[in-house]
Amino acid sequence: MGSKIVQFALGRLRGCGYAFKGALLLIKTEPSIQVQFTIAVLMTVLGFYFRITTIEWGLQIFAIGLVISVEGVNTAIEAIADFIHPDFHNKIGFIKDIAAGAVFIAAIIAILIGLLIYIPYLI
């Protein structure tokens, strides 16, 4: 029984290692993620500057995580689509457009959250 628990824990640690590696690869290699990461750092600095509340921090962290996560999924979908069908294909284009649309929606939500948080501090 103890051996199964240890194996389970080691498997989860290995999985975290792969996830961390994937996050680093996204930040190092994907220009869209680099832009989102830069915006996240800027918004974090602004949060400290304006001393936003705990609830505002929660909303901001949620918005940042939402955009970067959806952008990462979009990147993976595009890579898979390009691997499966490297040439232009209407169905692949449709799939990639939908994935990009999800990023757009997440970004709009994040912008709205940012405006709700920061407009009162700027007025």
PDB file of N, CA and C in Angstrom:
ATOM      1  N   MET A   1       0.833  -1.198   0.000  1.00  0.00           N
ATOM      2  CA  MET A   1       0.000   0.000   0.000  1.00  0.00           C
ATOM      3  C   MET A   1       0.873   1.255   0.000  1.00  0.00           C
ATOM      4  N   GLY A   2       1.887   1.296   0.869  1.00  0.00           N
ATOM      5  CA  GLY A   2       2.767   2.453   0.945  1.00  0.00           C
ATOM      6  C   GLY A   2       3.504   2.687  -0.363  1.00  0.00           C
ATOM      7  N   SER A   3       3.864   1.596  -1.031  1.00  0.00           N
ATOM      8  CA  SER A   3       4.570   1.696  -2.304  1.00  0.00           C
ATOM      9  C   SER A   3       3.693   2.349  -3.371  1.00  0.00           C
ATOM     10  N   LYS A   4       2.401   2.044  -3.360  1.00  0.00           N
ATOM     11  CA  LYS A   4       1.481   2.647  -4.331  1.00  0.00           C
ATOM     12  C   LYS A   4       1.345   4.143  -4.090  1.00  0.00           C
ATOM     13  N   ILE A   5       1.321   4.545  -2.843  1.00  0.00           N
ATOM     14  CA  ILE A   5       1.211   5.969  -2.508  1.00  0.00           C
ATOM     15  C   ILE A   5       2.456   6.710  -2.973  1.00  0.00           C
ATOM     16  N   VAL A   6       3.622   6.122  -2.749  1.00  0.00           N
ATOM     17  CA  VAL A   6       4.880   6.734  -3.178  1.00  0.00           C
ATOM     18  C   VAL A   6       4.910   6.844  -4.699  1.00  0.00           C
ATOM     19  N   GLN A   7       4.516   5.777  -5.399  1.00  0.00           N
ATOM     20  CA  GLN A   7       4.483   5.802  -6.864  1.00  0.00           C
ATOM     21  C   GLN A   7       3.509   6.865  -7.378  1.00  0.00           C
ATOM     22  N   PHE A   8       2.360   6.963  -6.706  1.00  0.00           N
ATOM     23  CA  PHE A   8       1.373   7.968  -7.080  1.00  0.00           C
ATOM     24  C   PHE A   8       1.955   9.372  -6.910  1.00  0.00           C
ATOM     25  N   ALA A   9       2.579   9.614  -5.756  1.00  0.00           N
ATOM     26  CA  ALA A   9       3.156  10.930  -5.477  1.00  0.00           C
ATOM     27  C   ALA A   9       4.269  11.265  -6.472  1.00  0.00           C
ATOM     28  N   LEU A  10       5.125  10.282  -6.768  1.00  0.00           N
ATOM     29  CA  LEU A  10       6.193  10.521  -7.738  1.00  0.00           C
ATOM     30  C   LEU A  10       5.636  10.822  -9.127  1.00  0.00           C
ATOM     31  N   GLY A  11       4.572  10.151  -9.489  1.00  0.00           N
ATOM     32  CA  GLY A  11       3.922  10.409 -10.782  1.00  0.00           C
ATOM     33  C   GLY A  11       3.364  11.813 -10.851  1.00  0.00           C
ATOM     34  N   ARG A  12       2.773  12.268  -9.756  1.00  0.00           N
ATOM     35  CA  ARG A  12       2.235  13.635  -9.729  1.00  0.00           C
ATOM     36  C   ARG A  12       3.363  14.666  -9.801  1.00  0.00           C
ATOM     37  N   LEU A  13       4.464  14.402  -9.092  1.00  0.00           N
ATOM     38  CA  LEU A  13       5.615  15.309  -9.157  1.00  0.00           C
ATOM     39  C   LEU A  13       6.192  15.370 -10.571  1.00  0.00           C
ATOM     40  N   ARG A  14       6.297  14.218 -11.215  1.00  0.00           N
ATOM     41  CA  ARG A  14       6.776  14.172 -12.589  1.00  0.00           C
ATOM     42  C   ARG A  14       5.846  14.974 -13.491  1.00  0.00           C
ATOM     43  N   GLY A  15       4.553  14.828 -13.289  1.00  0.00           N
ATOM     44  CA  GLY A  15       3.563  15.572 -14.070  1.00  0.00           C
ATOM     45  C   GLY A  15       3.706  17.073 -13.875  1.00  0.00           C
ATOM     46  N   CYS A  16       3.959  17.496 -12.642  1.00  0.00           N
ATOM     47  CA  CYS A  16       4.190  18.924 -12.371  1.00  0.00           C
ATOM     48  C   CYS A  16       5.440  19.407 -13.090  1.00  0.00           C
ATOM     49  N   GLY A  17       6.449  18.571 -13.148  1.00  0.00           N
ATOM     50  CA  GLY A  17       7.679  18.924 -13.853  1.00  0.00           C
ATOM     51  C   GLY A  17       7.421  19.148 -15.334  1.00  0.00           C
ATOM     52  N   TYR A  18       6.616  18.263 -15.947  1.00  0.00           N
ATOM     53  CA  TYR A  18       6.271  18.424 -17.359  1.00  0.00           C
ATOM     54  C   TYR A  18       5.453  19.703 -17.577  1.00  0.00           C
ATOM     55  N   ALA A  19       4.539  19.973 -16.657  1.00  0.00           N
ATOM     56  CA  ALA A  19       3.712  21.175 -16.779  1.00  0.00           C
ATOM     57  C   ALA A  19       4.569  22.434 -16.657  1.00  0.00           C
ATOM     58  N   PHE A  20       5.499  22.436 -15.717  1.00  0.00           N
ATOM     59  CA  PHE A  20       6.403  23.581 -15.549  1.00  0.00           C
ATOM     60  C   PHE A  20       7.252  23.767 -16.801  1.00  0.00           C
ATOM     61  N   LYS A  21       7.756  22.655 -17.347  1.00  0.00           N
ATOM     62  CA  LYS A  21       8.539  22.705 -18.583  1.00  0.00           C
ATOM     63  C   LYS A  21       7.698  23.298 -19.716  1.00  0.00           C
ATOM     64  N   GLY A  22       6.454  22.882 -19.824  1.00  0.00           N
ATOM     65  CA  GLY A  22       5.564  23.411 -20.851  1.00  0.00           C
ATOM     66  C   GLY A  22       5.319  24.902 -20.687  1.00  0.00           C
ATOM     67  N   ALA A  23       5.136  25.354 -19.451  1.00  0.00           N
ATOM     68  CA  ALA A  23       4.931  26.787 -19.198  1.00  0.00           C
ATOM     69  C   ALA A  23       6.166  27.579 -19.607  1.00  0.00           C
ATOM     70  N   LEU A  24       7.346  27.070 -19.273  1.00  0.00           N
ATOM     71  CA  LEU A  24       8.587  27.751 -19.671  1.00  0.00           C
ATOM     72  C   LEU A  24       8.742  27.779 -21.188  1.00  0.00           C
ATOM     73  N   LEU A  25       8.404  26.666 -21.853  1.00  0.00           N
ATOM     74  CA  LEU A  25       8.475  26.629 -23.312  1.00  0.00           C
ATOM     75  C   LEU A  25       7.541  27.659 -23.934  1.00  0.00           C
ATOM     76  N   LEU A  26       6.342  27.780 -23.377  1.00  0.00           N
ATOM     77  CA  LEU A  26       5.410  28.789 -23.878  1.00  0.00           C
ATOM     78  C   LEU A  26       6.000  30.185 -23.765  1.00  0.00           C
ATOM     79  N   ILE A  27       6.537  30.512 -22.603  1.00  0.00           N
ATOM     80  CA  ILE A  27       7.081  31.852 -22.371  1.00  0.00           C
ATOM     81  C   ILE A  27       8.306  32.106 -23.243  1.00  0.00           C
ATOM     82  N   LYS A  28       9.144  31.096 -23.423  1.00  0.00           N
ATOM     83  CA  LYS A  28      10.379  31.267 -24.198  1.00  0.00           C
ATOM     84  C   LYS A  28      10.146  31.328 -25.698  1.00  0.00           C
ATOM     85  N   THR A  29       9.138  30.613 -26.211  1.00  0.00           N
ATOM     86  CA  THR A  29       9.048  30.418 -27.659  1.00  0.00           C
ATOM     87  C   THR A  29       7.856  31.079 -28.333  1.00  0.00           C
ATOM     88  N   GLU A  30       6.851  31.469 -27.605  1.00  0.00           N
ATOM     89  CA  GLU A  30       5.626  31.964 -28.230  1.00  0.00           C
ATOM     90  C   GLU A  30       5.458  33.468 -28.040  1.00  0.00           C
ATOM     91  N   PRO A  31       5.549  34.234 -29.135  1.00  0.00           N
ATOM     92  CA  PRO A  31       5.429  35.696 -29.035  1.00  0.00           C
ATOM     93  C   PRO A  31       4.114  36.156 -28.386  1.00  0.00           C
ATOM     94  N   SER A  32       3.002  35.493 -28.676  1.00  0.00           N
ATOM     95  CA  SER A  32       1.731  35.911 -28.078  1.00  0.00           C
ATOM     96  C   SER A  32       1.737  35.722 -26.564  1.00  0.00           C
ATOM     97  N   ILE A  33       2.341  34.652 -26.101  1.00  0.00           N
ATOM     98  CA  ILE A  33       2.451  34.417 -24.658  1.00  0.00           C
ATOM     99  C   ILE A  33       3.410  35.440 -24.043  1.00  0.00           C
ATOM    100  N   GLN A  34       4.476  35.776 -24.740  1.00  0.00           N
ATOM    101  CA  GLN A  34       5.422  36.777 -24.245  1.00  0.00           C
ATOM    102  C   GLN A  34       4.729  38.121 -24.060  1.00  0.00           C
ATOM    103  N   VAL A  35       3.868  38.495 -25.002  1.00  0.00           N
ATOM    104  CA  VAL A  35       3.114  39.746 -24.873  1.00  0.00           C
ATOM    105  C   VAL A  35       2.192  39.659 -23.658  1.00  0.00           C
ATOM    106  N   GLN A  36       1.455  38.555 -23.533  1.00  0.00           N
ATOM    107  CA  GLN A  36       0.535  38.393 -22.405  1.00  0.00           C
ATOM    108  C   GLN A  36       1.288  38.377 -21.078  1.00  0.00           C
ATOM    109  N   PHE A  37       2.447  37.740 -21.053  1.00  0.00           N
ATOM    110  CA  PHE A  37       3.255  37.681 -19.829  1.00  0.00           C
ATOM    111  C   PHE A  37       3.747  39.083 -19.453  1.00  0.00           C
ATOM    112  N   THR A  38       4.164  39.858 -20.453  1.00  0.00           N
ATOM    113  CA  THR A  38       4.611  41.235 -20.206  1.00  0.00           C
ATOM    114  C   THR A  38       3.468  42.078 -19.643  1.00  0.00           C
ATOM    115  N   ILE A  39       2.279  41.940 -20.227  1.00  0.00           N
ATOM    116  CA  ILE A  39       1.112  42.661 -19.709  1.00  0.00           C
ATOM    117  C   ILE A  39       0.807  42.217 -18.282  1.00  0.00           C
ATOM    118  N   ALA A  40       0.943  40.931 -18.005  1.00  0.00           N
ATOM    119  CA  ALA A  40       0.699  40.414 -16.650  1.00  0.00           C
ATOM    120  C   ALA A  40       1.658  41.039 -15.644  1.00  0.00           C
ATOM    121  N   VAL A  41       2.931  41.149 -16.015  1.00  0.00           N
ATOM    122  CA  VAL A  41       3.917  41.774 -15.123  1.00  0.00           C
ATOM    123  C   VAL A  41       3.560  43.237 -14.903  1.00  0.00           C
ATOM    124  N   LEU A  42       3.221  43.956 -15.971  1.00  0.00           N
ATOM    125  CA  LEU A  42       2.833  45.360 -15.858  1.00  0.00           C
ATOM    126  C   LEU A  42       1.620  45.535 -14.940  1.00  0.00           C
ATOM    127  N   MET A  43       0.616  44.685 -15.119  1.00  0.00           N
ATOM    128  CA  MET A  43      -0.590  44.780 -14.280  1.00  0.00           C
ATOM    129  C   MET A  43      -0.288  44.440 -12.827  1.00  0.00           C
ATOM    130  N   THR A  44       0.646  43.534 -12.608  1.00  0.00           N
ATOM    131  CA  THR A  44       1.047  43.201 -11.237  1.00  0.00           C
ATOM    132  C   THR A  44       1.742  44.405 -10.586  1.00  0.00           C
ATOM    133  N   VAL A  45       2.608  45.063 -11.334  1.00  0.00           N
ATOM    134  CA  VAL A  45       3.271  46.272 -10.822  1.00  0.00           C
ATOM    135  C   VAL A  45       2.230  47.340 -10.503  1.00  0.00           C
ATOM    136  N   LEU A  46       1.262  47.539 -11.400  1.00  0.00           N
ATOM    137  CA  LEU A  46       0.199  48.508 -11.155  1.00  0.00           C
ATOM    138  C   LEU A  46      -0.608  48.147  -9.912  1.00  0.00           C
ATOM    139  N   GLY A  47      -0.848  46.859  -9.728  1.00  0.00           N
ATOM    140  CA  GLY A  47      -1.578  46.426  -8.539  1.00  0.00           C
ATOM    141  C   GLY A  47      -0.866  46.821  -7.258  1.00  0.00           C
ATOM    142  N   PHE A  48       0.451  46.642  -7.228  1.00  0.00           N
ATOM    143  CA  PHE A  48       1.212  47.059  -6.048  1.00  0.00           C
ATOM    144  C   PHE A  48       1.230  48.581  -5.919  1.00  0.00           C
ATOM    145  N   TYR A  49       1.372  49.278  -7.043  1.00  0.00           N
ATOM    146  CA  TYR A  49       1.425  50.742  -7.022  1.00  0.00           C
ATOM    147  C   TYR A  49       0.133  51.336  -6.462  1.00  0.00           C
ATOM    148  N   PHE A  50      -1.011  50.840  -6.937  1.00  0.00           N
ATOM    149  CA  PHE A  50      -2.292  51.372  -6.498  1.00  0.00           C
ATOM    150  C   PHE A  50      -2.813  50.705  -5.226  1.00  0.00           C
ATOM    151  N   ARG A  51      -2.103  49.698  -4.742  1.00  0.00           N
ATOM    152  CA  ARG A  51      -2.506  48.971  -3.532  1.00  0.00           C
ATOM    153  C   ARG A  51      -3.945  48.469  -3.639  1.00  0.00           C
ATOM    154  N   ILE A  52      -4.184  47.701  -4.697  1.00  0.00           N
ATOM    155  CA  ILE A  52      -5.528  47.184  -4.917  1.00  0.00           C
ATOM    156  C   ILE A  52      -5.905  46.217  -3.793  1.00  0.00           C
ATOM    157  N   THR A  53      -7.205  46.032  -3.624  1.00  0.00           N
ATOM    158  CA  THR A  53      -7.708  45.208  -2.525  1.00  0.00           C
ATOM    159  C   THR A  53      -7.484  43.717  -2.809  1.00  0.00           C
ATOM    160  N   THR A  54      -7.698  42.906  -1.798  1.00  0.00           N
ATOM    161  CA  THR A  54      -7.558  41.454  -1.940  1.00  0.00           C
ATOM    162  C   THR A  54      -8.518  40.908  -2.999  1.00  0.00           C
ATOM    163  N   ILE A  55      -9.735  41.398  -3.000  1.00  0.00           N
ATOM    164  CA  ILE A  55     -10.705  40.950  -4.005  1.00  0.00           C
ATOM    165  C   ILE A  55     -10.250  41.371  -5.398  1.00  0.00           C
ATOM    166  N   GLU A  56      -9.734  42.586  -5.526  1.00  0.00           N
ATOM    167  CA  GLU A  56      -9.231  43.048  -6.815  1.00  0.00           C
ATOM    168  C   GLU A  56      -8.036  42.215  -7.271  1.00  0.00           C
ATOM    169  N   TRP A  57      -7.168  41.841  -6.323  1.00  0.00           N
ATOM    170  CA  TRP A  57      -6.044  40.950  -6.662  1.00  0.00           C
ATOM    171  C   TRP A  57      -6.576  39.620  -7.186  1.00  0.00           C
ATOM    172  N   GLY A  58      -7.584  39.098  -6.521  1.00  0.00           N
ATOM    173  CA  GLY A  58      -8.161  37.824  -6.963  1.00  0.00           C
ATOM    174  C   GLY A  58      -8.710  37.915  -8.376  1.00  0.00           C
ATOM    175  N   LEU A  59      -9.442  38.992  -8.649  1.00  0.00           N
ATOM    176  CA  LEU A  59      -9.977  39.187  -9.992  1.00  0.00           C
ATOM    177  C   LEU A  59      -8.856  39.359 -11.018  1.00  0.00           C
ATOM    178  N   GLN A  60      -7.835  40.126 -10.655  1.00  0.00           N
ATOM    179  CA  GLN A  60      -6.725  40.352 -11.578  1.00  0.00           C
ATOM    180  C   GLN A  60      -5.962  39.059 -11.858  1.00  0.00           C
ATOM    181  N   ILE A  61      -5.676  38.293 -10.821  1.00  0.00           N
ATOM    182  CA  ILE A  61      -4.967  37.020 -10.998  1.00  0.00           C
ATOM    183  C   ILE A  61      -5.811  36.067 -11.845  1.00  0.00           C
ATOM    184  N   PHE A  62      -7.116  36.050 -11.603  1.00  0.00           N
ATOM    185  CA  PHE A  62      -8.006  35.217 -12.413  1.00  0.00           C
ATOM    186  C   PHE A  62      -7.942  35.628 -13.881  1.00  0.00           C
ATOM    187  N   ALA A  63      -8.013  36.933 -14.150  1.00  0.00           N
ATOM    188  CA  ALA A  63      -7.992  37.433 -15.525  1.00  0.00           C
ATOM    189  C   ALA A  63      -6.673  37.091 -16.220  1.00  0.00           C
ATOM    190  N   ILE A  64      -5.574  37.290 -15.515  1.00  0.00           N
ATOM    191  CA  ILE A  64      -4.254  36.965 -16.080  1.00  0.00           C
ATOM    192  C   ILE A  64      -4.164  35.470 -16.375  1.00  0.00           C
ATOM    193  N   GLY A  65      -4.557  34.655 -15.417  1.00  0.00           N
ATOM    194  CA  GLY A  65      -4.515  33.205 -15.604  1.00  0.00           C
ATOM    195  C   GLY A  65      -5.416  32.743 -16.731  1.00  0.00           C
ATOM    196  N   LEU A  66      -6.595  33.350 -16.838  1.00  0.00           N
ATOM    197  CA  LEU A  66      -7.533  32.995 -17.899  1.00  0.00           C
ATOM    198  C   LEU A  66      -6.920  33.257 -19.268  1.00  0.00           C
ATOM    199  N   VAL A  67      -6.390  34.457 -19.469  1.00  0.00           N
ATOM    200  CA  VAL A  67      -5.860  34.818 -20.784  1.00  0.00           C
ATOM    201  C   VAL A  67      -4.646  33.963 -21.141  1.00  0.00           C
ATOM    202  N   ILE A  68      -3.715  33.825 -20.213  1.00  0.00           N
ATOM    203  CA  ILE A  68      -2.501  33.056 -20.514  1.00  0.00           C
ATOM    204  C   ILE A  68      -2.838  31.575 -20.736  1.00  0.00           C
ATOM    205  N   SER A  69      -3.756  31.036 -19.959  1.00  0.00           N
ATOM    206  CA  SER A  69      -4.148  29.633 -20.137  1.00  0.00           C
ATOM    207  C   SER A  69      -4.817  29.406 -21.482  1.00  0.00           C
ATOM    208  N   VAL A  70      -5.779  30.256 -21.829  1.00  0.00           N
ATOM    209  CA  VAL A  70      -6.481  30.084 -23.096  1.00  0.00           C
ATOM    210  C   VAL A  70      -5.514  30.305 -24.264  1.00  0.00           C
ATOM    211  N   GLU A  71      -4.594  31.258 -24.114  1.00  0.00           N
ATOM    212  CA  GLU A  71      -3.582  31.484 -25.151  1.00  0.00           C
ATOM    213  C   GLU A  71      -2.703  30.237 -25.314  1.00  0.00           C
ATOM    214  N   GLY A  72      -2.360  29.583 -24.224  1.00  0.00           N
ATOM    215  CA  GLY A  72      -1.578  28.351 -24.292  1.00  0.00           C
ATOM    216  C   GLY A  72      -2.335  27.239 -24.987  1.00  0.00           C
ATOM    217  N   VAL A  73      -3.621  27.085 -24.677  1.00  0.00           N
ATOM    218  CA  VAL A  73      -4.443  26.073 -25.343  1.00  0.00           C
ATOM    219  C   VAL A  73      -4.563  26.399 -26.832  1.00  0.00           C
ATOM    220  N   ASN A  74      -4.737  27.673 -27.164  1.00  0.00           N
ATOM    221  CA  ASN A  74      -4.801  28.086 -28.562  1.00  0.00           C
ATOM    222  C   ASN A  74      -3.509  27.721 -29.292  1.00  0.00           C
ATOM    223  N   THR A  75      -2.383  27.959 -28.656  1.00  0.00           N
ATOM    224  CA  THR A  75      -1.091  27.626 -29.256  1.00  0.00           C
ATOM    225  C   THR A  75      -0.990  26.123 -29.521  1.00  0.00           C
ATOM    226  N   ALA A  76      -1.440  25.321 -28.551  1.00  0.00           N
ATOM    227  CA  ALA A  76      -1.401  23.866 -28.720  1.00  0.00           C
ATOM    228  C   ALA A  76      -2.329  23.421 -29.852  1.00  0.00           C
ATOM    229  N   ILE A  77      -3.519  23.993 -29.924  1.00  0.00           N
ATOM    230  CA  ILE A  77      -4.467  23.639 -30.986  1.00  0.00           C
ATOM    231  C   ILE A  77      -3.873  23.985 -32.348  1.00  0.00           C
ATOM    232  N   GLU A  78      -3.276  25.173 -32.463  1.00  0.00           N
ATOM    233  CA  GLU A  78      -2.668  25.572 -33.731  1.00  0.00           C
ATOM    234  C   GLU A  78      -1.519  24.638 -34.116  1.00  0.00           C
ATOM    235  N   ALA A  79      -0.701  24.244 -33.133  1.00  0.00           N
ATOM    236  CA  ALA A  79       0.423  23.346 -33.423  1.00  0.00           C
ATOM    237  C   ALA A  79      -0.065  21.979 -33.887  1.00  0.00           C
ATOM    238  N   ILE A  80      -1.087  21.460 -33.221  1.00  0.00           N
ATOM    239  CA  ILE A  80      -1.648  20.165 -33.620  1.00  0.00           C
ATOM    240  C   ILE A  80      -2.254  20.258 -35.019  1.00  0.00           C
ATOM    241  N   ALA A  81      -3.007  21.321 -35.257  1.00  0.00           N
ATOM    242  CA  ALA A  81      -3.645  21.498 -36.570  1.00  0.00           C
ATOM    243  C   ALA A  81      -2.598  21.593 -37.680  1.00  0.00           C
ATOM    244  N   ASP A  82      -1.536  22.355 -37.446  1.00  0.00           N
ATOM    245  CA  ASP A  82      -0.477  22.486 -38.443  1.00  0.00           C
ATOM    246  C   ASP A  82       0.265  21.172 -38.657  1.00  0.00           C
ATOM    247  N   PHE A  83       0.410  20.381 -37.602  1.00  0.00           N
ATOM    248  CA  PHE A  83       1.076  19.089 -37.710  1.00  0.00           C
ATOM    249  C   PHE A  83       0.231  18.106 -38.525  1.00  0.00           C
ATOM    250  N   ILE A  84      -1.068  18.097 -38.232  1.00  0.00           N
ATOM    251  CA  ILE A  84      -1.969  17.168 -38.912  1.00  0.00           C
ATOM    252  C   ILE A  84      -2.143  17.547 -40.378  1.00  0.00           C
ATOM    253  N   HIS A  85      -2.280  18.838 -40.641  1.00  0.00           N
ATOM    254  CA  HIS A  85      -2.540  19.282 -42.011  1.00  0.00           C
ATOM    255  C   HIS A  85      -1.742  20.557 -42.271  1.00  0.00           C
ATOM    256  N   PRO A  86      -0.456  20.425 -42.686  1.00  0.00           N
ATOM    257  CA  PRO A  86       0.419  21.598 -42.868  1.00  0.00           C
ATOM    258  C   PRO A  86      -0.058  22.581 -43.947  1.00  0.00           C
ATOM    259  N   ASP A  87      -0.756  22.078 -44.948  1.00  0.00           N
ATOM    260  CA  ASP A  87      -1.259  22.951 -46.010  1.00  0.00           C
ATOM    261  C   ASP A  87      -2.574  23.587 -45.571  1.00  0.00           C
ATOM    262  N   PHE A  88      -2.942  24.678 -46.257  1.00  0.00           N
ATOM    263  CA  PHE A  88      -4.208  25.331 -45.933  1.00  0.00           C
ATOM    264  C   PHE A  88      -5.374  24.381 -46.183  1.00  0.00           C
ATOM    265  N   HIS A  89      -6.287  24.387 -45.219  1.00  0.00           N
ATOM    266  CA  HIS A  89      -7.517  23.608 -45.342  1.00  0.00           C
ATOM    267  C   HIS A  89      -8.618  24.382 -44.627  1.00  0.00           C
ATOM    268  N   ASN A  90      -9.792  24.459 -45.240  1.00  0.00           N
ATOM    269  CA  ASN A  90     -10.886  25.239 -44.654  1.00  0.00           C
ATOM    270  C   ASN A  90     -11.253  24.785 -43.246  1.00  0.00           C
ATOM    271  N   LYS A  91     -11.324  23.477 -43.033  1.00  0.00           N
ATOM    272  CA  LYS A  91     -11.692  22.963 -41.700  1.00  0.00           C
ATOM    273  C   LYS A  91     -10.628  23.323 -40.656  1.00  0.00           C
ATOM    274  N   ILE A  92      -9.347  23.218 -41.026  1.00  0.00           N
ATOM    275  CA  ILE A  92      -8.265  23.574 -40.104  1.00  0.00           C
ATOM    276  C   ILE A  92      -8.327  25.072 -39.805  1.00  0.00           C
ATOM    277  N   GLY A  93      -8.577  25.869 -40.840  1.00  0.00           N
ATOM    278  CA  GLY A  93      -8.718  27.313 -40.639  1.00  0.00           C
ATOM    279  C   GLY A  93      -9.866  27.635 -39.700  1.00  0.00           C
ATOM    280  N   PHE A  94     -10.976  26.915 -39.864  1.00  0.00           N
ATOM    281  CA  PHE A  94     -12.138  27.097 -38.991  1.00  0.00           C
ATOM    282  C   PHE A  94     -11.782  26.785 -37.536  1.00  0.00           C
ATOM    283  N   ILE A  95     -11.092  25.666 -37.323  1.00  0.00           N
ATOM    284  CA  ILE A  95     -10.684  25.263 -35.973  1.00  0.00           C
ATOM    285  C   ILE A  95      -9.760  26.307 -35.354  1.00  0.00           C
ATOM    286  N   LYS A  96      -8.791  26.772 -36.128  1.00  0.00           N
ATOM    287  CA  LYS A  96      -7.838  27.766 -35.617  1.00  0.00           C
ATOM    288  C   LYS A  96      -8.532  29.097 -35.326  1.00  0.00           C
ATOM    289  N   ASP A  97      -9.499  29.470 -36.156  1.00  0.00           N
ATOM    290  CA  ASP A  97     -10.247  30.710 -35.912  1.00  0.00           C
ATOM    291  C   ASP A  97     -11.054  30.634 -34.620  1.00  0.00           C
ATOM    292  N   ILE A  98     -11.671  29.476 -34.378  1.00  0.00           N
ATOM    293  CA  ILE A  98     -12.445  29.308 -33.141  1.00  0.00           C
ATOM    294  C   ILE A  98     -11.527  29.401 -31.915  1.00  0.00           C
ATOM    295  N   ALA A  99     -10.361  28.751 -31.984  1.00  0.00           N
ATOM    296  CA  ALA A  99      -9.410  28.807 -30.867  1.00  0.00           C
ATOM    297  C   ALA A  99      -8.947  30.247 -30.642  1.00  0.00           C
ATOM    298  N   ALA A 100      -8.669  30.980 -31.729  1.00  0.00           N
ATOM    299  CA  ALA A 100      -8.268  32.382 -31.598  1.00  0.00           C
ATOM    300  C   ALA A 100      -9.419  33.220 -31.032  1.00  0.00           C
ATOM    301  N   GLY A 101     -10.635  32.880 -31.416  1.00  0.00           N
ATOM    302  CA  GLY A 101     -11.803  33.579 -30.870  1.00  0.00           C
ATOM    303  C   GLY A 101     -11.930  33.405 -29.374  1.00  0.00           C
ATOM    304  N   ALA A 102     -11.590  32.226 -28.871  1.00  0.00           N
ATOM    305  CA  ALA A 102     -11.627  31.989 -27.428  1.00  0.00           C
ATOM    306  C   ALA A 102     -10.618  32.890 -26.711  1.00  0.00           C
ATOM    307  N   VAL A 103      -9.446  33.065 -27.300  1.00  0.00           N
ATOM    308  CA  VAL A 103      -8.446  33.971 -26.725  1.00  0.00           C
ATOM    309  C   VAL A 103      -8.980  35.395 -26.731  1.00  0.00           C
ATOM    310  N   PHE A 104      -9.610  35.793 -27.828  1.00  0.00           N
ATOM    311  CA  PHE A 104     -10.175  37.134 -27.935  1.00  0.00           C
ATOM    312  C   PHE A 104     -11.200  37.388 -26.835  1.00  0.00           C
ATOM    313  N   ILE A 105     -12.090  36.422 -26.617  1.00  0.00           N
ATOM    314  CA  ILE A 105     -13.112  36.566 -25.573  1.00  0.00           C
ATOM    315  C   ILE A 105     -12.455  36.677 -24.197  1.00  0.00           C
ATOM    316  N   ALA A 106     -11.468  35.833 -23.919  1.00  0.00           N
ATOM    317  CA  ALA A 106     -10.766  35.887 -22.631  1.00  0.00           C
ATOM    318  C   ALA A 106     -10.079  37.240 -22.457  1.00  0.00           C
ATOM    319  N   ALA A 107      -9.479  37.755 -23.522  1.00  0.00           N
ATOM    320  CA  ALA A 107      -8.794  39.046 -23.452  1.00  0.00           C
ATOM    321  C   ALA A 107      -9.783  40.178 -23.183  1.00  0.00           C
ATOM    322  N   ILE A 108     -10.941  40.147 -23.826  1.00  0.00           N
ATOM    323  CA  ILE A 108     -11.967  41.174 -23.585  1.00  0.00           C
ATOM    324  C   ILE A 108     -12.427  41.135 -22.131  1.00  0.00           C
ATOM    325  N   ILE A 109     -12.647  39.935 -21.603  1.00  0.00           N
ATOM    326  CA  ILE A 109     -13.043  39.788 -20.193  1.00  0.00           C
ATOM    327  C   ILE A 109     -11.956  40.366 -19.292  1.00  0.00           C
ATOM    328  N   ALA A 110     -10.688  40.072 -19.598  1.00  0.00           N
ATOM    329  CA  ALA A 110      -9.582  40.582 -18.784  1.00  0.00           C
ATOM    330  C   ALA A 110      -9.507  42.109 -18.851  1.00  0.00           C
ATOM    331  N   ILE A 111      -9.724  42.668 -20.028  1.00  0.00           N
ATOM    332  CA  ILE A 111      -9.715  44.130 -20.163  1.00  0.00           C
ATOM    333  C   ILE A 111     -10.838  44.741 -19.326  1.00  0.00           C
ATOM    334  N   LEU A 112     -12.028  44.149 -19.386  1.00  0.00           N
ATOM    335  CA  LEU A 112     -13.145  44.661 -18.594  1.00  0.00           C
ATOM    336  C   LEU A 112     -12.847  44.589 -17.097  1.00  0.00           C
ATOM    337  N   ILE A 113     -12.264  43.477 -16.664  1.00  0.00           N
ATOM    338  CA  ILE A 113     -11.886  43.350 -15.251  1.00  0.00           C
ATOM    339  C   ILE A 113     -10.863  44.418 -14.896  1.00  0.00           C
ATOM    340  N   GLY A 114      -9.856  44.627 -15.759  1.00  0.00           N
ATOM    341  CA  GLY A 114      -8.849  45.659 -15.507  1.00  0.00           C
ATOM    342  C   GLY A 114      -9.466  47.043 -15.418  1.00  0.00           C
ATOM    343  N   LEU A 115     -10.401  47.342 -16.311  1.00  0.00           N
ATOM    344  CA  LEU A 115     -11.072  48.653 -16.259  1.00  0.00           C
ATOM    345  C   LEU A 115     -11.868  48.811 -14.972  1.00  0.00           C
ATOM    346  N   LEU A 116     -12.582  47.766 -14.572  1.00  0.00           N
ATOM    347  CA  LEU A 116     -13.352  47.828 -13.323  1.00  0.00           C
ATOM    348  C   LEU A 116     -12.446  48.058 -12.118  1.00  0.00           C
ATOM    349  N   ILE A 117     -11.270  47.465 -12.144  1.00  0.00           N
ATOM    350  CA  ILE A 117     -10.350  47.623 -11.020  1.00  0.00           C
ATOM    351  C   ILE A 117      -9.699  49.006 -11.025  1.00  0.00           C
ATOM    352  N   TYR A 118      -9.172  49.432 -12.184  1.00  0.00           N
ATOM    353  CA  TYR A 118      -8.278  50.586 -12.200  1.00  0.00           C
ATOM    354  C   TYR A 118      -8.929  51.931 -12.475  1.00  0.00           C
ATOM    355  N   ILE A 119     -10.092  51.964 -13.113  1.00  0.00           N
ATOM    356  CA  ILE A 119     -10.733  53.265 -13.365  1.00  0.00           C
ATOM    357  C   ILE A 119     -10.976  54.033 -12.069  1.00  0.00           C
ATOM    358  N   PRO A 120     -11.496  53.391 -11.010  1.00  0.00           N
ATOM    359  CA  PRO A 120     -11.690  54.161  -9.771  1.00  0.00           C
ATOM    360  C   PRO A 120     -10.376  54.738  -9.201  1.00  0.00           C
ATOM    361  N   TYR A 121      -9.258  54.072  -9.401  1.00  0.00           N
ATOM    362  CA  TYR A 121      -7.988  54.583  -8.893  1.00  0.00           C
ATOM    363  C   TYR A 121      -7.481  55.741  -9.746  1.00  0.00           C
ATOM    364  N   LEU A 122      -7.884  55.773 -11.020  1.00  0.00           N
ATOM    365  CA  LEU A 122      -7.413  56.808 -11.924  1.00  0.00           C
ATOM    366  C   LEU A 122      -8.280  58.065 -11.889  1.00  0.00           C
ATOM    367  N   ILE A 123      -9.511  57.923 -11.402  1.00  0.00           N
ATOM    368  CA  ILE A 123     -10.431  59.068 -11.361  1.00  0.00           C
ATOM    369  C   ILE A 123     -10.223  59.874 -10.089  1.00  0.00           C
TER     370      ILE A 123
END
